[in-house]
Amino acid sequence: MSSPHVLSVVFCLLTCSGLTHGLDHGVRMVVEDGSDVILPCSLSNKQDITAAAFHWKKEAQKDQRQKEVFFYDAATHYNNGHDGQSEEFKGRVSHFEDQLNHGNASIIIRNTKMADSGNYICVFPQLQPRQTFYIELVVGAAPQPYIWTLHDTKYWSLLQCEVRLAFPKPEVEWQDGAGNKLPAEEPQVSKRGGSYDITLKSTVNKTDLYHCVVEQEDIKHRVTSNVSVHISEKVVEDSSTKVAIGWLALVFVLGVFSDQALLVLRNWITKRHKNSRCRQENGSDDEETGPIQMKNGSVHLEMVSCEDPSVLLPQSTEAS
């Protein structure tokens, strides 16, 4: 019988059991939902167990009872008439008949489901000393992500990627056609019954084939969905040109006004200084100044001369 593809096996520290010479063989199996998995259980001395007994159980979880997974006793087992197997494992669990003489009591669980996740025990009750093996099974779900365009304009598009009921928790990112990671909003993450729902949005502004990439390192799984975005290059170019022209016009106006304002201010300071000296010579403290005004596109400063109060001295500076 061919072995199924095991996506990840992490061997844990072997710890002594409560009995004198027994060993608890701790193994962690991580597989993808829907795949087949082998739960290992073998005697180190490869003793023939054809006429022996071994028993597989799944430990109780939360409010559930302990599950009967597989039982073998001298060629009698759950698949050939022995009663007691839990309903959810019926027709999905089998052992390796041709490996019993090598001390191999491993089983295979087909078409795994997330509900199969948990801690399993393989026990040899008749051996002295009694031996028990512990296996943790993690069944991961890796659904295809949903993607769509939330908002579309002539200049940009807002893309959304949504992953539902994933386990273990995946990493989600947007990539461009060259595989570069794109800036995105903070992902929205929610948890439902041990699984994760994740939503990720990103705004793009050029024509390309974009990818939503979902990766689950624990089960060595990676899945991608794609969306094509078309943005008119001419529209983008015209928009950029208009923005550039607008900035140039603003800089020009500010530049002209700044030069003109500096000349007016300098002229005003000069006149004020002259009039101040004039008042000191004549013993007068009176001074009348007119406002700065715009006339015919020019800036005028009106000020009354202390030498002749009836005469207005207009100053004009043409825009350079």
Protein backbone atom coordinates (compact mmCIF):
# COMPACT_ATOMS: atom_id res chain seq x y z
CA MET A 1 0.00 0.00 0.00
CA SER A 2 1.48 3.34 -1.01
CA SER A 3 2.00 5.96 1.63
CA PRO A 4 0.07 9.26 1.33
CA HIS A 5 1.87 12.53 0.99
CA VAL A 6 2.59 13.86 4.45
CA LEU A 7 3.01 17.61 4.25
CA SER A 8 4.83 18.12 7.51
CA VAL A 9 6.09 15.99 10.37
CA VAL A 10 7.54 17.53 13.48
CA PHE A 11 9.13 15.09 15.94
CA CYS A 12 8.86 16.07 19.56
CA LEU A 13 10.89 15.08 22.60
CA LEU A 14 10.47 11.44 23.70
CA THR A 15 9.39 11.30 27.33
CA CYS A 16 9.18 8.39 29.78
CA SER A 17 5.76 6.94 30.55
CA GLY A 18 4.42 6.24 34.00
CA LEU A 19 5.49 2.60 33.74
CA THR A 20 9.02 1.38 34.24
CA HIS A 21 10.38 0.88 30.73
CA GLY A 22 7.69 2.36 28.51
CA LEU A 23 8.16 5.28 26.13
CA ASP A 24 5.67 7.87 24.98
CA HIS A 25 6.59 8.59 21.38
CA GLY A 26 5.36 12.12 20.72
CA VAL A 27 4.83 12.95 17.06
CA ARG A 28 3.03 15.90 15.48
CA MET A 29 1.47 15.45 12.04
CA VAL A 30 0.27 18.43 10.02
CA VAL A 31 -1.70 17.79 6.82
CA GLU A 32 -4.03 19.60 4.47
CA ASP A 33 -7.79 19.13 4.67
CA GLY A 34 -8.96 16.31 2.38
CA SER A 35 -5.64 14.49 2.24
CA ASP A 36 -4.71 11.06 3.64
CA VAL A 37 -2.40 10.76 6.63
CA ILE A 38 -0.44 7.94 8.28
CA LEU A 39 -0.32 7.99 12.08
CA PRO A 40 2.90 6.15 13.02
CA CYS A 41 3.08 3.52 15.76
CA SER A 42 5.89 0.94 15.64
CA LEU A 43 7.79 -1.08 18.19
CA SER A 44 11.49 -0.27 18.31
CA ASN A 45 12.45 -3.95 18.50
CA LYS A 46 10.24 -4.78 15.48
CA GLN A 47 8.51 -7.55 17.41
CA ASP A 48 5.90 -9.50 15.47
CA ILE A 49 2.45 -8.27 16.56
CA THR A 50 0.34 -10.40 14.21
CA ALA A 51 -1.13 -12.29 17.18
CA ALA A 52 -1.00 -9.33 19.56
CA ALA A 53 -3.40 -6.46 20.21
CA PHE A 54 -3.17 -2.73 19.68
CA HIS A 55 -5.74 -0.01 20.20
CA TRP A 56 -6.05 3.47 18.65
CA LYS A 57 -8.09 6.17 20.42
CA LYS A 58 -8.62 9.90 20.02
CA GLU A 59 -8.55 11.83 23.29
CA ALA A 60 -11.65 13.71 24.40
CA GLN A 61 -11.92 17.35 23.30
CA LYS A 62 -14.04 19.92 25.12
CA ASP A 63 -17.49 18.37 25.63
CA GLN A 64 -16.82 15.36 23.40
CA ARG A 65 -16.09 11.85 24.57
CA GLN A 66 -13.04 9.79 23.73
CA LYS A 67 -13.28 8.38 20.19
CA GLU A 68 -12.65 4.79 19.14
CA VAL A 69 -10.45 5.03 16.04
CA PHE A 70 -9.14 1.52 15.39
CA PHE A 71 -8.82 -1.75 17.29
CA TYR A 72 -6.84 -4.89 16.33
CA ASP A 73 -6.67 -8.16 18.22
CA ALA A 74 -5.08 -11.20 16.57
CA ALA A 75 -6.47 -10.51 13.08
CA THR A 76 -9.84 -9.27 14.33
CA HIS A 77 -10.41 -5.54 13.85
CA TYR A 78 -13.00 -2.86 13.19
CA ASN A 79 -12.97 -3.45 9.44
CA ASN A 80 -13.84 -7.16 9.59
CA GLY A 81 -16.60 -7.39 12.14
CA HIS A 82 -15.36 -6.00 15.44
CA ASP A 83 -17.88 -3.53 16.90
CA GLY A 84 -17.29 -0.25 18.72
CA GLN A 85 -15.66 2.10 16.20
CA SER A 86 -16.81 5.74 16.40
CA GLU A 87 -19.11 6.70 13.55
CA GLU A 88 -16.90 9.43 12.04
CA PHE A 89 -14.02 6.99 11.47
CA LYS A 90 -15.99 4.15 9.90
CA GLY A 91 -14.75 3.32 6.40
CA ARG A 92 -11.83 5.77 6.64
CA VAL A 93 -9.28 3.98 8.84
CA SER A 94 -7.16 0.93 8.04
CA HIS A 95 -3.90 -0.67 9.15
CA PHE A 96 -0.94 -2.20 7.29
CA GLU A 97 -1.52 -5.96 7.32
CA ASP A 98 1.81 -6.79 5.69
CA GLN A 99 3.76 -4.77 8.27
CA LEU A 100 2.46 -6.42 11.44
CA ASN A 101 5.28 -8.97 11.55
CA HIS A 102 7.70 -6.03 11.78
CA GLY A 103 5.96 -4.50 14.79
CA ASN A 104 4.21 -1.81 12.74
CA ALA A 105 0.80 -0.84 14.12
CA SER A 106 0.49 2.41 12.12
CA ILE A 107 -2.87 3.35 10.65
CA ILE A 108 -3.97 5.48 7.72
CA ILE A 109 -6.87 7.95 7.93
CA ARG A 110 -8.29 8.86 4.54
CA ASN A 111 -9.93 12.11 3.46
CA THR A 112 -9.03 13.97 6.64
CA LYS A 113 -11.25 16.73 7.96
CA MET A 114 -10.59 19.57 10.36
CA ALA A 115 -12.68 17.69 12.93
CA ASP A 116 -10.03 14.94 12.88
CA SER A 117 -7.53 17.31 14.50
CA GLY A 118 -6.58 16.27 18.01
CA ASN A 119 -4.43 13.94 20.10
CA TYR A 120 -4.32 10.24 19.27
CA ILE A 121 -3.09 7.34 21.40
CA CYS A 122 -1.72 4.00 20.19
CA VAL A 123 -1.62 1.41 22.98
CA PHE A 124 -0.21 -2.13 23.18
CA PRO A 125 -2.17 -3.37 26.21
CA GLN A 126 -0.74 -6.92 26.29
CA LEU A 127 2.93 -6.05 26.03
CA GLN A 128 5.13 -6.06 29.11
CA PRO A 129 5.88 -3.36 29.84
CA ARG A 130 2.82 -1.80 28.31
CA GLN A 131 3.72 0.74 25.61
CA THR A 132 1.81 3.88 24.60
CA PHE A 133 2.47 6.23 21.68
CA TYR A 134 1.09 9.79 21.43
CA ILE A 135 0.43 11.52 18.11
CA GLU A 136 -0.96 15.00 17.57
CA LEU A 137 -2.81 15.47 14.29
CA VAL A 138 -3.42 18.93 12.85
CA VAL A 139 -5.64 19.11 9.77
CA GLY A 140 -5.38 22.46 8.02
CA ALA A 141 -7.89 24.11 5.70
CA ALA A 142 -6.53 26.16 2.82
CA PRO A 143 -9.44 27.49 0.74
CA GLN A 144 -9.03 29.40 -2.50
CA PRO A 145 -9.16 33.17 -1.84
CA TYR A 146 -11.98 35.28 -3.31
CA ILE A 147 -10.92 38.49 -5.05
CA TRP A 148 -12.81 41.34 -6.69
CA THR A 149 -12.60 45.05 -7.49
CA LEU A 150 -14.40 47.14 -4.88
CA HIS A 151 -14.01 50.49 -6.68
CA ASP A 152 -12.77 51.35 -10.14
CA THR A 153 -11.86 54.78 -11.59
CA LYS A 154 -9.90 56.05 -14.57
CA TYR A 155 -6.85 56.52 -12.35
CA TRP A 156 -6.88 53.67 -9.78
CA SER A 157 -8.65 50.53 -8.59
CA LEU A 158 -9.34 49.27 -5.07
CA LEU A 159 -8.85 45.49 -4.88
CA GLN A 160 -10.05 43.15 -2.13
CA CYS A 161 -8.92 39.62 -1.26
CA GLU A 162 -10.93 37.50 1.17
CA VAL A 163 -9.95 34.16 2.73
CA ARG A 164 -12.60 32.23 4.62
CA LEU A 165 -12.34 29.39 7.17
CA ALA A 166 -8.57 28.98 6.91
CA PHE A 167 -6.52 27.01 9.41
CA PRO A 168 -3.80 27.38 10.55
CA LYS A 169 -3.85 31.17 10.33
CA PRO A 170 -2.40 32.12 6.92
CA GLU A 171 -0.29 35.03 5.74
CA VAL A 172 -2.10 37.04 3.04
CA GLU A 173 -0.54 39.62 0.71
CA TRP A 174 -1.07 41.37 -2.63
CA GLN A 175 1.59 41.10 -5.34
CA ASP A 176 2.04 42.69 -8.74
CA GLY A 177 2.76 40.77 -11.94
CA ALA A 178 6.48 40.68 -11.12
CA GLY A 179 5.86 39.16 -7.68
CA ASN A 180 6.60 42.31 -5.72
CA LYS A 181 4.64 42.78 -2.49
CA LEU A 182 2.23 45.73 -2.69
CA PRO A 183 1.31 48.23 0.02
CA ALA A 184 -2.05 47.31 1.55
CA GLU A 185 -4.42 48.33 4.28
CA GLU A 186 -4.30 46.68 7.69
CA PRO A 187 -5.82 43.18 7.28
CA GLN A 188 -9.21 42.51 8.88
CA VAL A 189 -9.02 39.24 10.85
CA SER A 190 -11.85 37.37 12.57
CA LYS A 191 -12.03 33.89 14.08
CA ARG A 192 -14.85 31.39 13.66
CA GLY A 193 -14.74 28.08 15.52
CA GLY A 194 -10.97 27.77 15.32
CA SER A 195 -10.75 28.94 11.67
CA TYR A 196 -9.78 32.36 10.37
CA ASP A 197 -11.46 34.83 8.01
CA ILE A 198 -9.06 37.43 6.59
CA THR A 199 -9.77 40.41 4.31
CA LEU A 200 -6.99 42.47 2.68
CA LYS A 201 -7.41 45.56 0.46
CA SER A 202 -4.91 47.30 -1.81
CA THR A 203 -5.12 50.28 -4.20
CA VAL A 204 -3.33 49.98 -7.56
CA ASN A 205 -2.78 52.63 -10.22
CA LYS A 206 -1.35 50.86 -13.24
CA THR A 207 -2.32 48.14 -15.68
CA ASP A 208 -1.12 44.70 -14.51
CA LEU A 209 -2.10 41.19 -13.45
CA TYR A 210 -2.33 41.27 -9.65
CA HIS A 211 -2.13 38.27 -7.31
CA CYS A 212 -3.60 37.60 -3.88
CA VAL A 213 -1.22 35.11 -2.26
CA VAL A 214 -2.26 32.99 0.74
CA GLU A 215 0.48 31.01 2.47
CA GLN A 216 0.31 28.59 5.42
CA GLU A 217 3.80 27.69 6.51
CA ASP A 218 2.69 24.99 8.97
CA ILE A 219 1.15 22.84 6.26
CA LYS A 220 3.51 23.98 3.49
CA HIS A 221 0.60 25.27 1.46
CA ARG A 222 0.41 28.22 -0.92
CA VAL A 223 -2.56 29.24 -3.07
CA THR A 224 -3.03 32.23 -5.38
CA SER A 225 -5.94 34.00 -7.08
CA ASN A 226 -5.44 36.57 -9.85
CA VAL A 227 -7.22 39.67 -11.14
CA SER A 228 -6.41 41.77 -14.21
CA VAL A 229 -6.61 45.55 -13.94
CA HIS A 230 -6.57 47.92 -16.92
CA ILE A 231 -5.91 51.63 -16.42
CA SER A 232 -5.62 53.91 -19.48
CA GLU A 233 -2.04 55.11 -19.73
CA LYS A 234 -3.20 58.20 -21.71
CA VAL A 235 -5.60 59.20 -18.94
CA VAL A 236 -2.84 58.88 -16.36
CA GLU A 237 -0.42 60.84 -18.56
CA ASP A 238 -2.95 63.64 -19.21
CA SER A 239 -3.74 63.82 -15.52
CA SER A 240 -0.07 64.08 -14.60
CA THR A 241 0.46 66.78 -17.22
CA LYS A 242 -2.44 68.85 -15.89
CA VAL A 243 -1.14 68.58 -12.35
CA ALA A 244 2.33 69.64 -13.45
CA ILE A 245 0.97 72.66 -15.36
CA GLY A 246 -1.10 73.66 -12.35
CA TRP A 247 1.91 73.60 -10.07
CA LEU A 248 3.99 75.62 -12.55
CA ALA A 249 1.25 78.25 -12.80
CA LEU A 250 1.01 78.50 -9.02
CA VAL A 251 4.77 78.84 -8.67
CA PHE A 252 4.79 81.58 -11.34
CA VAL A 253 2.02 83.59 -9.68
CA LEU A 254 3.61 83.29 -6.26
CA GLY A 255 6.99 84.24 -7.71
CA VAL A 256 5.63 87.38 -9.44
CA PHE A 257 3.68 88.43 -6.40
CA SER A 258 6.65 87.86 -4.09
CA ASP A 259 9.01 89.96 -6.24
CA GLN A 260 6.43 92.73 -6.52
CA ALA A 261 5.64 92.67 -2.83
CA LEU A 262 9.34 92.93 -1.90
CA LEU A 263 9.82 95.98 -4.13
CA VAL A 264 6.76 97.70 -2.68
CA LEU A 265 7.90 96.99 0.87
CA ARG A 266 11.37 98.34 0.17
CA ASN A 267 9.90 101.49 -1.36
CA TRP A 268 7.54 101.96 1.57
CA ILE A 269 10.37 101.62 4.12
CA THR A 270 12.48 104.18 2.20
CA LYS A 271 9.65 106.73 2.07
CA ARG A 272 8.81 106.20 5.73
CA HIS A 273 12.42 106.84 6.70
CA LYS A 274 12.56 110.02 4.66
CA ASN A 275 9.28 111.34 6.08
CA SER A 276 10.43 110.53 9.61
CA ARG A 277 13.51 112.71 9.15
CA CYS A 278 11.36 115.37 7.54
CA ARG A 279 8.99 115.46 10.54
CA GLN A 280 11.91 115.74 12.92
CA GLU A 281 13.23 118.76 11.00
CA ASN A 282 9.81 120.47 10.88
CA GLY A 283 8.82 119.48 14.42
CA SER A 284 5.69 117.70 13.21
CA ASP A 285 4.36 114.30 14.32
CA ASP A 286 1.60 114.10 11.77
CA GLU A 287 1.78 111.66 8.94
CA GLU A 288 -0.85 110.22 6.69
CA THR A 289 -0.30 107.05 4.75
CA GLY A 290 -2.54 105.55 2.13
CA PRO A 291 -3.15 101.84 1.61
CA ILE A 292 -1.36 99.61 -0.82
CA GLN A 293 -3.62 99.22 -3.85
CA MET A 294 -3.72 97.37 -7.17
CA LYS A 295 -4.29 99.57 -10.21
CA ASN A 296 -4.09 98.45 -13.82
CA GLY A 297 -2.18 95.30 -12.83
CA SER A 298 0.38 97.34 -10.77
CA VAL A 299 0.89 97.78 -7.05
CA HIS A 300 0.66 101.36 -5.70
CA LEU A 301 1.72 102.74 -2.34
CA GLU A 302 0.18 106.10 -1.44
CA MET A 303 1.85 108.27 1.17
CA VAL A 304 1.51 111.96 2.12
CA SER A 305 4.80 113.90 2.00
CA CYS A 306 5.58 115.94 5.10
CA GLU A 307 6.99 118.65 2.87
CA ASP A 308 3.70 119.06 1.04
CA PRO A 309 0.73 117.26 2.71
CA SER A 310 -1.52 118.05 -0.22
CA VAL A 311 0.60 116.07 -2.62
CA LEU A 312 0.22 112.27 -2.87
CA LEU A 313 3.30 110.41 -3.87
CA PRO A 314 2.20 107.32 -5.80
CA GLN A 315 4.75 104.56 -6.22
CA SER A 316 4.40 102.00 -8.94
CA THR A 317 6.23 98.80 -9.63
CA GLU A 318 5.48 96.91 -12.80
CA ALA A 319 5.49 93.11 -12.68
CA SER A 320 8.78 91.87 -14.01
